[in-house]
Amino acid sequence: MKLISKIFGDSNKKLLKGTDPIISRINELEKEFGTLSDEQLKEKTEEFKTRIGKGETIDNILPESFALVREAAKRTLGQRHYDVQLLG
């Protein structure tokens, strides 16, 4: 099994490496979302619904939506999602 991993690489590492840009973008958005009011966070949710309704893909709004969820959890639960928790 180790030989196969050495030749083809570890599939888990490849999967995690592919999520690096998404996690980085979520972290970049954290400061911006932290400055929004509770009402503005609610408006963002409605904005996401509108964008999806107009044909934008869920993958396209994923970093923003996860940043919003992270901020909402921080405000309501007093707990911030760790990066690894955003992966599922």
N, C-alpha and C. Protein backbone atom coordinates (compact mmCIF):
# COMPACT_ATOMS: atom_id res chain seq x y z
N MET A 1 0.82 -1.19 0.00
CA MET A 1 0.00 0.00 0.00
C MET A 1 0.87 1.26 0.00
N LYS A 2 1.98 1.23 0.75
CA LYS A 2 2.86 2.39 0.79
C LYS A 2 3.47 2.66 -0.58
N LEU A 3 3.78 1.61 -1.30
CA LEU A 3 4.35 1.76 -2.62
C LEU A 3 3.37 2.47 -3.55
N ILE A 4 2.12 2.09 -3.48
CA ILE A 4 1.09 2.72 -4.32
C ILE A 4 0.97 4.20 -3.97
N SER A 5 0.98 4.51 -2.66
CA SER A 5 0.90 5.91 -2.22
C SER A 5 2.10 6.71 -2.70
N LYS A 6 3.26 6.09 -2.69
CA LYS A 6 4.46 6.79 -3.15
C LYS A 6 4.39 7.08 -4.65
N ILE A 7 3.82 6.15 -5.40
CA ILE A 7 3.74 6.33 -6.84
C ILE A 7 2.65 7.34 -7.22
N PHE A 8 1.46 7.13 -6.66
CA PHE A 8 0.30 7.94 -7.05
C PHE A 8 -0.02 9.08 -6.10
N GLY A 9 0.57 9.08 -4.93
CA GLY A 9 0.28 10.10 -3.94
C GLY A 9 -0.89 9.69 -3.05
N ASP A 10 -0.99 10.34 -1.94
CA ASP A 10 -2.04 10.07 -0.97
C ASP A 10 -3.30 10.84 -1.38
N SER A 11 -4.39 10.13 -1.60
CA SER A 11 -5.63 10.78 -2.07
C SER A 11 -6.17 11.78 -1.05
N ASN A 12 -5.99 11.50 0.24
CA ASN A 12 -6.46 12.44 1.27
C ASN A 12 -5.67 13.74 1.22
N LYS A 13 -4.37 13.63 1.04
CA LYS A 13 -3.54 14.84 0.94
C LYS A 13 -3.91 15.66 -0.29
N LYS A 14 -4.21 14.97 -1.38
CA LYS A 14 -4.62 15.67 -2.60
C LYS A 14 -5.94 16.41 -2.37
N LEU A 15 -6.87 15.76 -1.69
CA LEU A 15 -8.16 16.38 -1.40
C LEU A 15 -7.98 17.61 -0.53
N LEU A 16 -7.18 17.49 0.53
CA LEU A 16 -6.95 18.61 1.43
C LEU A 16 -6.23 19.76 0.74
N LYS A 17 -5.27 19.42 -0.12
CA LYS A 17 -4.55 20.46 -0.84
C LYS A 17 -5.49 21.24 -1.75
N GLY A 18 -6.48 20.55 -2.31
CA GLY A 18 -7.45 21.21 -3.18
C GLY A 18 -8.36 22.18 -2.45
N THR A 19 -8.48 22.02 -1.13
CA THR A 19 -9.35 22.90 -0.36
C THR A 19 -8.61 24.12 0.17
N ASP A 20 -7.30 24.15 0.06
CA ASP A 20 -6.51 25.28 0.57
C ASP A 20 -6.99 26.64 0.07
N PRO A 21 -7.25 26.79 -1.24
CA PRO A 21 -7.72 28.11 -1.70
C PRO A 21 -9.07 28.51 -1.09
N ILE A 22 -9.94 27.54 -0.89
CA ILE A 22 -11.26 27.84 -0.31
C ILE A 22 -11.10 28.29 1.14
N ILE A 23 -10.31 27.55 1.91
CA ILE A 23 -10.09 27.90 3.31
C ILE A 23 -9.41 29.27 3.41
N SER A 24 -8.46 29.53 2.54
CA SER A 24 -7.78 30.83 2.53
C SER A 24 -8.76 31.96 2.26
N ARG A 25 -9.66 31.74 1.32
CA ARG A 25 -10.65 32.78 0.99
C ARG A 25 -11.61 33.00 2.15
N ILE A 26 -12.05 31.93 2.81
CA ILE A 26 -12.93 32.05 3.98
C ILE A 26 -12.24 32.88 5.05
N ASN A 27 -10.97 32.59 5.29
CA ASN A 27 -10.21 33.33 6.30
C ASN A 27 -10.05 34.81 5.92
N GLU A 28 -9.88 35.08 4.63
CA GLU A 28 -9.77 36.47 4.17
C GLU A 28 -11.08 37.23 4.43
N LEU A 29 -12.19 36.55 4.22
CA LEU A 29 -13.51 37.17 4.38
C LEU A 29 -13.90 37.35 5.85
N GLU A 30 -13.22 36.67 6.75
CA GLU A 30 -13.59 36.71 8.16
C GLU A 30 -13.57 38.13 8.72
N LYS A 31 -12.56 38.91 8.40
CA LYS A 31 -12.48 40.29 8.90
C LYS A 31 -13.63 41.13 8.36
N GLU A 32 -13.89 40.98 7.07
CA GLU A 32 -14.98 41.74 6.44
C GLU A 32 -16.33 41.40 7.08
N PHE A 33 -16.60 40.13 7.26
CA PHE A 33 -17.88 39.71 7.82
C PHE A 33 -17.98 40.08 9.29
N GLY A 34 -16.86 40.17 9.95
CA GLY A 34 -16.85 40.56 11.36
C GLY A 34 -17.29 41.99 11.59
N THR A 35 -17.19 42.81 10.55
CA THR A 35 -17.59 44.22 10.68
C THR A 35 -19.06 44.44 10.34
N LEU A 36 -19.72 43.44 9.80
CA LEU A 36 -21.13 43.59 9.41
C LEU A 36 -22.04 43.52 10.63
N SER A 37 -23.13 44.24 10.56
CA SER A 37 -24.14 44.17 11.62
C SER A 37 -24.92 42.86 11.48
N ASP A 38 -25.69 42.53 12.50
CA ASP A 38 -26.52 41.33 12.43
C ASP A 38 -27.49 41.42 11.25
N GLU A 39 -28.03 42.60 11.04
CA GLU A 39 -28.98 42.81 9.93
C GLU A 39 -28.27 42.61 8.59
N GLN A 40 -27.06 43.10 8.48
CA GLN A 40 -26.30 42.93 7.23
C GLN A 40 -25.98 41.47 6.97
N LEU A 41 -25.74 40.70 8.03
CA LEU A 41 -25.51 39.27 7.85
C LEU A 41 -26.76 38.60 7.30
N LYS A 42 -27.93 38.99 7.82
CA LYS A 42 -29.19 38.44 7.31
C LYS A 42 -29.37 38.81 5.84
N GLU A 43 -29.02 40.04 5.50
CA GLU A 43 -29.14 40.48 4.11
C GLU A 43 -28.22 39.68 3.19
N LYS A 44 -27.05 39.32 3.70
CA LYS A 44 -26.12 38.49 2.92
C LYS A 44 -26.76 37.15 2.57
N THR A 45 -27.47 36.57 3.53
CA THR A 45 -28.15 35.30 3.29
C THR A 45 -29.15 35.45 2.15
N GLU A 46 -29.92 36.52 2.17
CA GLU A 46 -30.88 36.78 1.10
C GLU A 46 -30.16 37.01 -0.23
N GLU A 47 -29.03 37.68 -0.17
CA GLU A 47 -28.23 37.90 -1.38
C GLU A 47 -27.79 36.57 -1.98
N PHE A 48 -27.36 35.64 -1.14
CA PHE A 48 -26.94 34.33 -1.63
C PHE A 48 -28.10 33.62 -2.32
N LYS A 49 -29.28 33.68 -1.73
CA LYS A 49 -30.47 33.05 -2.33
C LYS A 49 -30.75 33.65 -3.70
N THR A 50 -30.65 34.95 -3.79
CA THR A 50 -30.89 35.64 -5.07
C THR A 50 -29.86 35.22 -6.10
N ARG A 51 -28.62 35.20 -5.71
CA ARG A 51 -27.55 34.83 -6.64
C ARG A 51 -27.72 33.40 -7.15
N ILE A 52 -28.09 32.50 -6.26
CA ILE A 52 -28.32 31.11 -6.68
C ILE A 52 -29.53 31.05 -7.61
N GLY A 53 -30.56 31.82 -7.28
CA GLY A 53 -31.76 31.87 -8.13
C GLY A 53 -31.47 32.38 -9.52
N LYS A 54 -30.44 33.20 -9.66
CA LYS A 54 -30.05 33.75 -10.96
C LYS A 54 -29.07 32.84 -11.69
N GLY A 55 -28.78 31.68 -11.10
CA GLY A 55 -27.94 30.71 -11.79
C GLY A 55 -26.51 30.60 -11.31
N GLU A 56 -26.14 31.40 -10.32
CA GLU A 56 -24.77 31.28 -9.80
C GLU A 56 -24.63 29.94 -9.07
N THR A 57 -23.50 29.32 -9.19
CA THR A 57 -23.32 28.01 -8.58
C THR A 57 -23.05 28.12 -7.08
N ILE A 58 -23.42 27.07 -6.39
CA ILE A 58 -23.17 27.01 -4.95
C ILE A 58 -21.67 27.04 -4.68
N ASP A 59 -20.90 26.37 -5.53
CA ASP A 59 -19.45 26.37 -5.36
C ASP A 59 -18.88 27.79 -5.41
N ASN A 60 -19.51 28.65 -6.19
CA ASN A 60 -19.03 30.01 -6.34
C ASN A 60 -19.25 30.84 -5.07
N ILE A 61 -20.35 30.58 -4.35
CA ILE A 61 -20.63 31.35 -3.14
C ILE A 61 -20.19 30.63 -1.87
N LEU A 62 -19.62 29.45 -2.02
CA LEU A 62 -19.24 28.64 -0.86
C LEU A 62 -18.33 29.37 0.12
N PRO A 63 -17.25 30.01 -0.30
CA PRO A 63 -16.40 30.70 0.68
C PRO A 63 -17.14 31.78 1.45
N GLU A 64 -17.97 32.55 0.74
CA GLU A 64 -18.72 33.61 1.42
C GLU A 64 -19.74 33.03 2.40
N SER A 65 -20.42 31.97 1.97
CA SER A 65 -21.44 31.39 2.86
C SER A 65 -20.81 30.76 4.09
N PHE A 66 -19.66 30.11 3.93
CA PHE A 66 -18.98 29.53 5.09
C PHE A 66 -18.45 30.62 6.02
N ALA A 67 -17.98 31.73 5.44
CA ALA A 67 -17.52 32.84 6.27
C ALA A 67 -18.68 33.42 7.06
N LEU A 68 -19.85 33.48 6.44
CA LEU A 68 -21.04 33.97 7.13
C LEU A 68 -21.43 33.04 8.27
N VAL A 69 -21.42 31.74 8.01
CA VAL A 69 -21.75 30.76 9.05
C VAL A 69 -20.76 30.84 10.20
N ARG A 70 -19.50 30.99 9.87
CA ARG A 70 -18.47 31.10 10.91
C ARG A 70 -18.74 32.32 11.80
N GLU A 71 -19.05 33.44 11.17
CA GLU A 71 -19.32 34.67 11.93
C GLU A 71 -20.59 34.55 12.76
N ALA A 72 -21.63 33.95 12.19
CA ALA A 72 -22.89 33.78 12.93
C ALA A 72 -22.68 32.88 14.15
N ALA A 73 -21.92 31.81 13.98
CA ALA A 73 -21.64 30.91 15.11
C ALA A 73 -20.83 31.63 16.19
N LYS A 74 -19.90 32.45 15.75
CA LYS A 74 -19.07 33.19 16.70
C LYS A 74 -19.94 34.13 17.54
N ARG A 75 -20.91 34.76 16.88
CA ARG A 75 -21.78 35.71 17.59
C ARG A 75 -22.81 35.02 18.47
N THR A 76 -23.41 33.97 17.97
CA THR A 76 -24.52 33.34 18.71
C THR A 76 -24.06 32.32 19.73
N LEU A 77 -23.03 31.56 19.39
CA LEU A 77 -22.55 30.50 20.27
C LEU A 77 -21.28 30.86 21.02
N GLY A 78 -20.63 31.93 20.56
CA GLY A 78 -19.35 32.30 21.16
C GLY A 78 -18.23 31.35 20.78
N GLN A 79 -18.46 30.60 19.69
CA GLN A 79 -17.45 29.64 19.23
C GLN A 79 -17.20 29.84 17.74
N ARG A 80 -15.94 29.81 17.39
CA ARG A 80 -15.52 29.99 16.00
C ARG A 80 -15.16 28.64 15.41
N HIS A 81 -15.65 28.37 14.19
CA HIS A 81 -15.29 27.13 13.51
C HIS A 81 -13.79 27.14 13.18
N TYR A 82 -13.14 26.04 13.45
CA TYR A 82 -11.75 25.87 13.02
C TYR A 82 -11.76 25.53 11.54
N ASP A 83 -10.63 25.79 10.88
CA ASP A 83 -10.54 25.53 9.45
C ASP A 83 -10.93 24.09 9.11
N VAL A 84 -10.46 23.14 9.88
CA VAL A 84 -10.73 21.74 9.59
C VAL A 84 -12.23 21.43 9.69
N GLN A 85 -12.95 22.17 10.51
CA GLN A 85 -14.39 21.96 10.64
C GLN A 85 -15.15 22.47 9.41
N LEU A 86 -14.57 23.37 8.69
CA LEU A 86 -15.21 23.89 7.49
C LEU A 86 -15.16 22.89 6.35
N LEU A 87 -14.27 21.93 6.46
CA LEU A 87 -14.12 20.92 5.41
C LEU A 87 -15.22 19.87 5.45
N GLY A 88 -15.92 19.79 6.54
CA GLY A 88 -17.02 18.83 6.61
C GLY A 88 -16.77 17.86 7.65
